Each structure stands twice: as structure tokens, then as C-alpha cells.
Amino acid sequence: IHIENSYERRIELRSLSTFDQLWSTTFSTAYCNAPWNNRVCVLKYNEWLLINYGNSRIFHVGKDGQLKANRSYKPTVGNAVLFGTNILAIKTVDNVNCYRIY
């Protein structure tokens, strides 16, 4: 969710059956003035990766909605997907990088 005229962004997780909000977290994208072009990748243990293409940053959000980590990624990250339970593939502008996660 984009908050108008702000560098703040919010992501919410809602129940599929009731649409009740399970958690919500807000984080700053002040690293870049580019429009928020985001992607989301679900990880193991109900955790998430949020990818901000505009400034090539990756946000790791825990199952409770708390921001666990926030990192820059070079070259520019485009998207990510989890294969199986432990292979994270990160697509960049030039190639795909694969990582084993535990």
C-alpha cells in the first residue's frame, strides 16, 4: 500500500477466508525517489521477501509482520522465487542467481 506523498510503504497480510488483517508492517523506501515497483516472494515458515526494483533493495519480513532485514542487492534485482523449500532464485537485469537457504 502506497502512502501518498511519503516514502513510507505498508504491506498487509489478510486471511483468505475472512479477509481479516493478520498483520501489517510499514517501512521506509527513502533510499530512492523512483516509483514503488515491488514484488513479493513467500519464503519458508510464512516469511516474505519484498523486492523494491526502483532502488534494488530486498526486505525480509517475518511471519509476525516485523521487518527482519533490509539489504541492497547488486546488480539490480527484478524478482525472486523460492523453488522447493530451500532454493531461492533472484532474477537480476543480467541473469538469475540461485542460493541455498536454510
Protein backbone atom coordinates (compact mmCIF):
# COMPACT_ATOMS: atom_id res chain seq x y z
CA ILE A 1 0.00 0.00 0.00
CA HIS A 2 1.47 3.30 -1.08
CA ILE A 3 1.02 6.21 1.32
CA GLU A 4 0.52 9.36 -0.79
CA ASN A 5 3.35 11.96 -0.72
CA SER A 6 5.50 9.80 1.55
CA TYR A 7 8.43 7.42 1.40
CA GLU A 8 6.51 5.11 3.72
CA ARG A 9 5.10 1.85 2.35
CA ARG A 10 2.89 -0.68 4.07
CA ILE A 11 2.22 -4.34 3.41
CA GLU A 12 -0.65 -6.25 4.97
CA LEU A 13 -1.32 -9.96 5.27
CA ARG A 14 -5.00 -10.88 5.36
CA SER A 15 -6.92 -14.08 5.92
CA LEU A 16 -8.10 -15.68 2.68
CA SER A 17 -11.38 -16.85 4.22
CA THR A 18 -12.39 -13.74 6.22
CA PHE A 19 -10.13 -11.03 4.78
CA ASP A 20 -9.34 -10.05 8.38
CA GLN A 21 -5.94 -8.39 8.76
CA LEU A 22 -3.42 -10.81 10.29
CA TRP A 23 -0.57 -8.30 10.40
CA SER A 24 0.64 -5.08 8.85
CA THR A 25 4.09 -3.51 8.67
CA THR A 26 5.32 -0.13 7.50
CA PHE A 27 8.80 0.57 6.19
CA SER A 28 10.68 3.41 4.58
CA THR A 29 11.77 3.45 0.95
CA ALA A 30 13.56 6.78 1.30
CA TYR A 31 16.60 5.31 -0.41
CA CYS A 32 15.16 6.14 -3.81
CA ASN A 33 12.82 8.66 -5.41
CA ALA A 34 11.71 6.20 -8.08
CA PRO A 35 8.11 4.95 -8.13
CA TRP A 36 7.49 1.92 -5.91
CA ASN A 37 7.72 -1.10 -8.16
CA ASN A 38 7.51 -4.02 -5.79
CA ARG A 39 7.45 -7.76 -5.96
CA VAL A 40 6.68 -10.26 -3.20
CA CYS A 41 8.09 -13.75 -2.68
CA VAL A 42 6.83 -16.12 0.01
CA LEU A 43 9.54 -17.98 1.94
CA LYS A 44 9.57 -20.92 4.34
CA TYR A 45 7.93 -20.55 7.74
CA ASN A 46 5.42 -17.95 6.46
CA GLU A 47 8.10 -15.32 5.94
CA TRP A 48 8.32 -12.95 2.96
CA LEU A 49 10.77 -11.15 0.70
CA LEU A 50 9.68 -7.75 -0.59
CA ILE A 51 11.67 -6.54 -3.56
CA ASN A 52 11.86 -2.87 -4.47
CA TYR A 53 13.00 -2.79 -8.08
CA GLY A 54 13.30 1.02 -8.09
CA ASN A 55 16.24 1.04 -5.69
CA SER A 56 17.27 -2.65 -5.79
CA ARG A 57 16.55 -3.36 -2.13
CA ILE A 58 15.30 -6.58 -0.54
CA PHE A 59 13.21 -6.51 2.64
CA HIS A 60 12.87 -9.69 4.72
CA VAL A 61 9.59 -9.74 6.68
CA GLY A 62 8.96 -12.33 9.39
CA LYS A 63 5.75 -14.30 9.88
CA ASP A 64 4.68 -11.76 12.51
CA GLY A 65 4.99 -8.87 10.04
CA GLN A 66 8.17 -7.48 11.61
CA LEU A 67 10.95 -6.29 9.30
CA LYS A 68 13.87 -8.67 9.94
CA ALA A 69 16.39 -7.32 7.42
CA ASN A 70 16.78 -4.75 4.68
CA ARG A 71 19.59 -5.08 2.15
CA SER A 72 20.82 -3.55 -1.07
CA TYR A 73 21.31 -6.04 -3.92
CA LYS A 74 23.60 -5.55 -6.91
CA PRO A 75 23.08 -5.84 -9.81
CA THR A 76 19.53 -4.51 -9.86
CA VAL A 77 17.10 -7.14 -8.60
CA GLY A 78 13.97 -7.77 -10.63
CA ASN A 79 12.18 -10.58 -8.85
CA ALA A 80 12.64 -13.65 -6.66
CA VAL A 81 11.04 -17.05 -6.35
CA LEU A 82 11.51 -19.95 -3.93
CA PHE A 83 11.95 -23.35 -5.60
CA GLY A 84 11.06 -26.23 -3.33
CA THR A 85 11.92 -25.47 0.27
CA ASN A 86 15.47 -24.23 0.02
CA ILE A 87 16.48 -22.75 -3.35
CA LEU A 88 15.94 -19.01 -3.71
CA ALA A 89 16.33 -17.72 -7.27
CA ILE A 90 16.85 -13.97 -7.65
CA LYS A 91 16.43 -12.52 -11.13
CA THR A 92 18.59 -9.51 -11.92
CA VAL A 93 18.81 -7.39 -15.05
CA ASP A 94 21.53 -9.68 -16.39
CA ASN A 95 20.97 -13.18 -15.01
CA VAL A 96 19.48 -15.42 -12.33
CA ASN A 97 21.37 -16.09 -9.09
CA CYS A 98 20.44 -19.16 -7.04
CA TYR A 99 21.02 -19.50 -3.30
CA ARG A 100 20.51 -22.41 -0.93
CA ILE A 101 18.62 -21.20 2.14
CA TYR A 102 18.23 -22.98 5.48
